Amino acid sequence: MTTLIKNKIIKELKNFPEKKINSLLDYIFFLKFEDKIKIPNKLTEKALDDADNKNNLNSYTSLDDFFNKMES
């Protein structure tokens, strides 16, 4: 990145609304690490939503019960 571009960014940040700085930083970090961020697919999103809403959950009486049901 050239010095000119860095100076332009710094100039813009000086006038940036304080309330939006955190959102801007979040976006900068996203851009910096976007190739390392794993976005869940539809199936994973559904499983996470189900868990949050206590839907489609299995219950077990013990760890042995869990393993027995997983093996069958």
PDB file of N, CA and C in Angstrom:
ATOM      1  N   MET A   1       0.855  -1.174   0.000  1.00  0.00           N
ATOM      2  CA  MET A   1       0.000   0.000   0.000  1.00  0.00           C
ATOM      3  C   MET A   1       0.898   1.233   0.000  1.00  0.00           C
ATOM      4  N   THR A   2       0.565   2.156  -0.860  1.00  0.00           N
ATOM      5  CA  THR A   2       1.399   3.353  -0.963  1.00  0.00           C
ATOM      6  C   THR A   2       1.132   4.317   0.190  1.00  0.00           C
ATOM      7  N   THR A   3       2.080   5.189   0.404  1.00  0.00           N
ATOM      8  CA  THR A   3       1.948   6.208   1.449  1.00  0.00           C
ATOM      9  C   THR A   3       0.763   7.120   1.164  1.00  0.00           C
ATOM     10  N   LEU A   4       0.532   7.423  -0.102  1.00  0.00           N
ATOM     11  CA  LEU A   4      -0.592   8.280  -0.480  1.00  0.00           C
ATOM     12  C   LEU A   4      -1.927   7.657  -0.059  1.00  0.00           C
ATOM     13  N   ILE A   5      -2.075   6.377  -0.315  1.00  0.00           N
ATOM     14  CA  ILE A   5      -3.317   5.686   0.059  1.00  0.00           C
ATOM     15  C   ILE A   5      -3.467   5.647   1.575  1.00  0.00           C
ATOM     16  N   LYS A   6      -2.383   5.329   2.273  1.00  0.00           N
ATOM     17  CA  LYS A   6      -2.438   5.305   3.741  1.00  0.00           C
ATOM     18  C   LYS A   6      -2.839   6.667   4.295  1.00  0.00           C
ATOM     19  N   ASN A   7      -2.275   7.720   3.747  1.00  0.00           N
ATOM     20  CA  ASN A   7      -2.611   9.073   4.208  1.00  0.00           C
ATOM     21  C   ASN A   7      -4.072   9.412   3.939  1.00  0.00           C
ATOM     22  N   LYS A   8      -4.598   8.966   2.789  1.00  0.00           N
ATOM     23  CA  LYS A   8      -6.015   9.192   2.487  1.00  0.00           C
ATOM     24  C   LYS A   8      -6.904   8.474   3.502  1.00  0.00           C
ATOM     25  N   ILE A   9      -6.543   7.242   3.820  1.00  0.00           N
ATOM     26  CA  ILE A   9      -7.318   6.460   4.790  1.00  0.00           C
ATOM     27  C   ILE A   9      -7.291   7.135   6.151  1.00  0.00           C
ATOM     28  N   ILE A  10      -6.115   7.549   6.583  1.00  0.00           N
ATOM     29  CA  ILE A  10      -5.979   8.219   7.886  1.00  0.00           C
ATOM     30  C   ILE A  10      -6.797   9.504   7.916  1.00  0.00           C
ATOM     31  N   LYS A  11      -6.769  10.258   6.820  1.00  0.00           N
ATOM     32  CA  LYS A  11      -7.548  11.501   6.748  1.00  0.00           C
ATOM     33  C   LYS A  11      -9.042  11.209   6.886  1.00  0.00           C
ATOM     34  N   GLU A  12      -9.514  10.178   6.205  1.00  0.00           N
ATOM     35  CA  GLU A  12     -10.934   9.812   6.289  1.00  0.00           C
ATOM     36  C   GLU A  12     -11.307   9.354   7.696  1.00  0.00           C
ATOM     37  N   LEU A  13     -10.418   8.617   8.333  1.00  0.00           N
ATOM     38  CA  LEU A  13     -10.711   8.103   9.675  1.00  0.00           C
ATOM     39  C   LEU A  13     -10.828   9.218  10.706  1.00  0.00           C
ATOM     40  N   LYS A  14     -10.104  10.298  10.498  1.00  0.00           N
ATOM     41  CA  LYS A  14     -10.170  11.420  11.444  1.00  0.00           C
ATOM     42  C   LYS A  14     -11.570  12.007  11.508  1.00  0.00           C
ATOM     43  N   ASN A  15     -12.301  11.942  10.411  1.00  0.00           N
ATOM     44  CA  ASN A  15     -13.651  12.496  10.353  1.00  0.00           C
ATOM     45  C   ASN A  15     -14.736  11.422  10.447  1.00  0.00           C
ATOM     46  N   PHE A  16     -14.331  10.202  10.709  1.00  0.00           N
ATOM     47  CA  PHE A  16     -15.292   9.100  10.739  1.00  0.00           C
ATOM     48  C   PHE A  16     -16.103   9.156  12.029  1.00  0.00           C
ATOM     49  N   PRO A  17     -17.425   8.948  11.943  1.00  0.00           N
ATOM     50  CA  PRO A  17     -18.261   9.005  13.154  1.00  0.00           C
ATOM     51  C   PRO A  17     -17.830   7.968  14.191  1.00  0.00           C
ATOM     52  N   GLU A  18     -17.713   8.408  15.419  1.00  0.00           N
ATOM     53  CA  GLU A  18     -17.259   7.540  16.515  1.00  0.00           C
ATOM     54  C   GLU A  18     -18.128   6.289  16.649  1.00  0.00           C
ATOM     55  N   LYS A  19     -19.434   6.446  16.440  1.00  0.00           N
ATOM     56  CA  LYS A  19     -20.363   5.320  16.603  1.00  0.00           C
ATOM     57  C   LYS A  19     -20.129   4.213  15.579  1.00  0.00           C
ATOM     58  N   LYS A  20     -19.479   4.545  14.478  1.00  0.00           N
ATOM     59  CA  LYS A  20     -19.292   3.561  13.409  1.00  0.00           C
ATOM     60  C   LYS A  20     -17.877   2.991  13.349  1.00  0.00           C
ATOM     61  N   ILE A  21     -17.003   3.450  14.205  1.00  0.00           N
ATOM     62  CA  ILE A  21     -15.607   2.990  14.186  1.00  0.00           C
ATOM     63  C   ILE A  21     -15.507   1.482  14.412  1.00  0.00           C
ATOM     64  N   ASN A  22     -16.247   0.943  15.388  1.00  0.00           N
ATOM     65  CA  ASN A  22     -16.163  -0.496  15.661  1.00  0.00           C
ATOM     66  C   ASN A  22     -16.626  -1.322  14.470  1.00  0.00           C
ATOM     67  N   SER A  23     -17.674  -0.872  13.802  1.00  0.00           N
ATOM     68  CA  SER A  23     -18.133  -1.585  12.609  1.00  0.00           C
ATOM     69  C   SER A  23     -17.074  -1.553  11.519  1.00  0.00           C
ATOM     70  N   LEU A  24     -16.440  -0.425  11.375  1.00  0.00           N
ATOM     71  CA  LEU A  24     -15.380  -0.296  10.380  1.00  0.00           C
ATOM     72  C   LEU A  24     -14.211  -1.223  10.714  1.00  0.00           C
ATOM     73  N   LEU A  25     -13.825  -1.266  11.975  1.00  0.00           N
ATOM     74  CA  LEU A  25     -12.735  -2.161  12.385  1.00  0.00           C
ATOM     75  C   LEU A  25     -13.108  -3.620  12.155  1.00  0.00           C
ATOM     76  N   ASP A  26     -14.354  -3.982  12.465  1.00  0.00           N
ATOM     77  CA  ASP A  26     -14.810  -5.350  12.201  1.00  0.00           C
ATOM     78  C   ASP A  26     -14.666  -5.686  10.720  1.00  0.00           C
ATOM     79  N   TYR A  27     -15.045  -4.746   9.870  1.00  0.00           N
ATOM     80  CA  TYR A  27     -14.957  -4.976   8.433  1.00  0.00           C
ATOM     81  C   TYR A  27     -13.501  -5.089   7.976  1.00  0.00           C
ATOM     82  N   ILE A  28     -12.643  -4.262   8.519  1.00  0.00           N
ATOM     83  CA  ILE A  28     -11.219  -4.337   8.170  1.00  0.00           C
ATOM     84  C   ILE A  28     -10.645  -5.697   8.569  1.00  0.00           C
ATOM     85  N   PHE A  29     -10.980  -6.167   9.777  1.00  0.00           N
ATOM     86  CA  PHE A  29     -10.497  -7.483  10.206  1.00  0.00           C
ATOM     87  C   PHE A  29     -11.075  -8.588   9.333  1.00  0.00           C
ATOM     88  N   PHE A  30     -12.341  -8.442   8.943  1.00  0.00           N
ATOM     89  CA  PHE A  30     -12.939  -9.428   8.048  1.00  0.00           C
ATOM     90  C   PHE A  30     -12.156  -9.491   6.739  1.00  0.00           C
ATOM     91  N   LEU A  31     -11.877  -8.337   6.149  1.00  0.00           N
ATOM     92  CA  LEU A  31     -11.124  -8.313   4.895  1.00  0.00           C
ATOM     93  C   LEU A  31      -9.727  -8.894   5.065  1.00  0.00           C
ATOM     94  N   LYS A  32      -9.124  -8.615   6.202  1.00  0.00           N
ATOM     95  CA  LYS A  32      -7.765  -9.096   6.456  1.00  0.00           C
ATOM     96  C   LYS A  32      -7.722 -10.619   6.568  1.00  0.00           C
ATOM     97  N   PHE A  33      -8.761 -11.198   7.181  1.00  0.00           N
ATOM     98  CA  PHE A  33      -8.744 -12.635   7.456  1.00  0.00           C
ATOM     99  C   PHE A  33      -9.820 -13.410   6.711  1.00  0.00           C
ATOM    100  N   GLU A  34     -10.436 -12.817   5.667  1.00  0.00           N
ATOM    101  CA  GLU A  34     -11.577 -13.460   5.028  1.00  0.00           C
ATOM    102  C   GLU A  34     -11.249 -14.838   4.457  1.00  0.00           C
ATOM    103  N   ASP A  35     -10.020 -15.075   4.045  1.00  0.00           N
ATOM    104  CA  ASP A  35      -9.673 -16.387   3.507  1.00  0.00           C
ATOM    105  C   ASP A  35      -9.572 -17.442   4.598  1.00  0.00           C
ATOM    106  N   LYS A  36      -9.494 -17.017   5.862  1.00  0.00           N
ATOM    107  CA  LYS A  36      -9.392 -17.961   6.973  1.00  0.00           C
ATOM    108  C   LYS A  36     -10.721 -18.155   7.701  1.00  0.00           C
ATOM    109  N   ILE A  37     -11.700 -17.309   7.404  1.00  0.00           N
ATOM    110  CA  ILE A  37     -12.998 -17.384   8.074  1.00  0.00           C
ATOM    111  C   ILE A  37     -13.828 -18.476   7.422  1.00  0.00           C
ATOM    112  N   LYS A  38     -14.389 -19.337   8.229  1.00  0.00           N
ATOM    113  CA  LYS A  38     -15.237 -20.413   7.736  1.00  0.00           C
ATOM    114  C   LYS A  38     -16.695 -20.040   7.976  1.00  0.00           C
ATOM    115  N   ILE A  39     -17.438 -19.833   6.905  1.00  0.00           N
ATOM    116  CA  ILE A  39     -18.855 -19.504   7.011  1.00  0.00           C
ATOM    117  C   ILE A  39     -19.632 -20.814   6.958  1.00  0.00           C
ATOM    118  N   PRO A  40     -20.497 -21.055   7.950  1.00  0.00           N
ATOM    119  CA  PRO A  40     -21.211 -22.335   7.984  1.00  0.00           C
ATOM    120  C   PRO A  40     -22.157 -22.504   6.790  1.00  0.00           C
ATOM    121  N   ASN A  41     -22.272 -23.756   6.332  1.00  0.00           N
ATOM    122  CA  ASN A  41     -23.207 -24.031   5.246  1.00  0.00           C
ATOM    123  C   ASN A  41     -24.632 -24.109   5.808  1.00  0.00           C
ATOM    124  N   LYS A  42     -25.609 -24.324   4.932  1.00  0.00           N
ATOM    125  CA  LYS A  42     -27.029 -24.321   5.341  1.00  0.00           C
ATOM    126  C   LYS A  42     -27.320 -25.379   6.399  1.00  0.00           C
ATOM    127  N   LEU A  43     -26.751 -26.573   6.245  1.00  0.00           N
ATOM    128  CA  LEU A  43     -27.003 -27.652   7.202  1.00  0.00           C
ATOM    129  C   LEU A  43     -26.460 -27.294   8.582  1.00  0.00           C
ATOM    130  N   THR A  44     -25.267 -26.733   8.623  1.00  0.00           N
ATOM    131  CA  THR A  44     -24.679 -26.322   9.902  1.00  0.00           C
ATOM    132  C   THR A  44     -25.485 -25.190  10.525  1.00  0.00           C
ATOM    133  N   GLU A  45     -25.915 -24.227   9.705  1.00  0.00           N
ATOM    134  CA  GLU A  45     -26.744 -23.130  10.220  1.00  0.00           C
ATOM    135  C   GLU A  45     -28.031 -23.659  10.836  1.00  0.00           C
ATOM    136  N   LYS A  46     -28.661 -24.643  10.168  1.00  0.00           N
ATOM    137  CA  LYS A  46     -29.900 -25.221  10.695  1.00  0.00           C
ATOM    138  C   LYS A  46     -29.633 -25.928  12.016  1.00  0.00           C
ATOM    139  N   ALA A  47     -28.547 -26.677  12.094  1.00  0.00           N
ATOM    140  CA  ALA A  47     -28.205 -27.379  13.335  1.00  0.00           C
ATOM    141  C   ALA A  47     -27.961 -26.385  14.471  1.00  0.00           C
ATOM    142  N   LEU A  48     -27.275 -25.293  14.186  1.00  0.00           N
ATOM    143  CA  LEU A  48     -27.027 -24.276  15.214  1.00  0.00           C
ATOM    144  C   LEU A  48     -28.325 -23.594  15.640  1.00  0.00           C
ATOM    145  N   ASP A  49     -29.189 -23.282  14.676  1.00  0.00           N
ATOM    146  CA  ASP A  49     -30.492 -22.685  15.001  1.00  0.00           C
ATOM    147  C   ASP A  49     -31.336 -23.645  15.828  1.00  0.00           C
ATOM    148  N   ASP A  50     -31.345 -24.926  15.431  1.00  0.00           N
ATOM    149  CA  ASP A  50     -32.099 -25.932  16.195  1.00  0.00           C
ATOM    150  C   ASP A  50     -31.595 -26.012  17.629  1.00  0.00           C
ATOM    151  N   ALA A  51     -30.295 -26.010  17.805  1.00  0.00           N
ATOM    152  CA  ALA A  51     -29.729 -26.089  19.158  1.00  0.00           C
ATOM    153  C   ALA A  51     -30.110 -24.854  19.973  1.00  0.00           C
ATOM    154  N   ASP A  52     -30.049 -23.677  19.351  1.00  0.00           N
ATOM    155  CA  ASP A  52     -30.433 -22.444  20.051  1.00  0.00           C
ATOM    156  C   ASP A  52     -31.896 -22.472  20.482  1.00  0.00           C
ATOM    157  N   ASN A  53     -32.745 -23.075  19.634  1.00  0.00           N
ATOM    158  CA  ASN A  53     -34.184 -23.107  19.910  1.00  0.00           C
ATOM    159  C   ASN A  53     -34.640 -24.400  20.584  1.00  0.00           C
ATOM    160  N   LYS A  54     -33.671 -25.242  20.947  1.00  0.00           N
ATOM    161  CA  LYS A  54     -33.943 -26.523  21.605  1.00  0.00           C
ATOM    162  C   LYS A  54     -34.874 -27.415  20.772  1.00  0.00           C
ATOM    163  N   ASN A  55     -34.631 -27.461  19.465  1.00  0.00           N
ATOM    164  CA  ASN A  55     -35.373 -28.325  18.541  1.00  0.00           C
ATOM    165  C   ASN A  55     -34.467 -29.450  18.067  1.00  0.00           C
ATOM    166  N   ASN A  56     -35.072 -30.616  17.831  1.00  0.00           N
ATOM    167  CA  ASN A  56     -34.347 -31.763  17.260  1.00  0.00           C
ATOM    168  C   ASN A  56     -33.107 -32.144  18.063  1.00  0.00           C
ATOM    169  N   LEU A  57     -33.203 -32.057  19.379  1.00  0.00           N
ATOM    170  CA  LEU A  57     -32.084 -32.441  20.236  1.00  0.00           C
ATOM    171  C   LEU A  57     -32.287 -33.855  20.752  1.00  0.00           C
ATOM    172  N   ASN A  58     -31.209 -34.574  20.897  1.00  0.00           N
ATOM    173  CA  ASN A  58     -31.258 -35.915  21.478  1.00  0.00           C
ATOM    174  C   ASN A  58     -30.818 -35.835  22.931  1.00  0.00           C
ATOM    175  N   SER A  59     -31.434 -36.649  23.763  1.00  0.00           N
ATOM    176  CA  SER A  59     -30.999 -36.691  25.163  1.00  0.00           C
ATOM    177  C   SER A  59     -30.538 -38.107  25.496  1.00  0.00           C
ATOM    178  N   TYR A  60     -29.623 -38.189  26.423  1.00  0.00           N
ATOM    179  CA  TYR A  60     -29.027 -39.462  26.812  1.00  0.00           C
ATOM    180  C   TYR A  60     -28.963 -39.534  28.327  1.00  0.00           C
ATOM    181  N   THR A  61     -29.078 -40.747  28.846  1.00  0.00           N
ATOM    182  CA  THR A  61     -29.039 -40.921  30.299  1.00  0.00           C
ATOM    183  C   THR A  61     -27.618 -41.014  30.821  1.00  0.00           C
ATOM    184  N   SER A  62     -26.689 -41.385  29.932  1.00  0.00           N
ATOM    185  CA  SER A  62     -25.292 -41.514  30.348  1.00  0.00           C
ATOM    186  C   SER A  62     -24.402 -41.461  29.112  1.00  0.00           C
ATOM    187  N   LEU A  63     -23.121 -41.406  29.338  1.00  0.00           N
ATOM    188  CA  LEU A  63     -22.174 -41.424  28.230  1.00  0.00           C
ATOM    189  C   LEU A  63     -22.226 -42.769  27.506  1.00  0.00           C
ATOM    190  N   ASP A  64     -22.384 -43.845  28.262  1.00  0.00           N
ATOM    191  CA  ASP A  64     -22.527 -45.168  27.637  1.00  0.00           C
ATOM    192  C   ASP A  64     -23.755 -45.211  26.737  1.00  0.00           C
ATOM    193  N   ASP A  65     -24.861 -44.634  27.212  1.00  0.00           N
ATOM    194  CA  ASP A  65     -26.084 -44.576  26.417  1.00  0.00           C
ATOM    195  C   ASP A  65     -25.823 -43.810  25.115  1.00  0.00           C
ATOM    196  N   PHE A  66     -25.110 -42.713  25.208  1.00  0.00           N
ATOM    197  CA  PHE A  66     -24.761 -41.920  24.027  1.00  0.00           C
ATOM    198  C   PHE A  66     -23.974 -42.757  23.020  1.00  0.00           C
ATOM    199  N   PHE A  67     -22.905 -43.421  23.489  1.00  0.00           N
ATOM    200  CA  PHE A  67     -22.076 -44.210  22.581  1.00  0.00           C
ATOM    201  C   PHE A  67     -22.849 -45.383  21.993  1.00  0.00           C
ATOM    202  N   ASN A  68     -23.690 -46.012  22.778  1.00  0.00           N
ATOM    203  CA  ASN A  68     -24.498 -47.123  22.261  1.00  0.00           C
ATOM    204  C   ASN A  68     -25.420 -46.649  21.143  1.00  0.00           C
ATOM    205  N   LYS A  69     -26.049 -45.494  21.321  1.00  0.00           N
ATOM    206  CA  LYS A  69     -26.943 -44.979  20.284  1.00  0.00           C
ATOM    207  C   LYS A  69     -26.156 -44.511  19.060  1.00  0.00           C
ATOM    208  N   MET A  70     -24.945 -44.018  19.244  1.00  0.00           N
ATOM    209  CA  MET A  70     -24.134 -43.587  18.109  1.00  0.00           C
ATOM    210  C   MET A  70     -23.654 -44.784  17.288  1.00  0.00           C
ATOM    211  N   GLU A  71     -23.412 -45.906  17.952  1.00  0.00           N
ATOM    212  CA  GLU A  71     -22.924 -47.097  17.253  1.00  0.00           C
ATOM    213  C   GLU A  71     -24.035 -47.829  16.521  1.00  0.00           C
ATOM    214  N   SER A  72     -25.277 -47.622  16.926  1.00  0.00           N
ATOM    215  CA  SER A  72     -26.377 -48.363  16.284  1.00  0.00           C
ATOM    216  C   SER A  72     -26.972 -47.634  15.110  1.00  0.00           C
TER     217      SER A  72
END
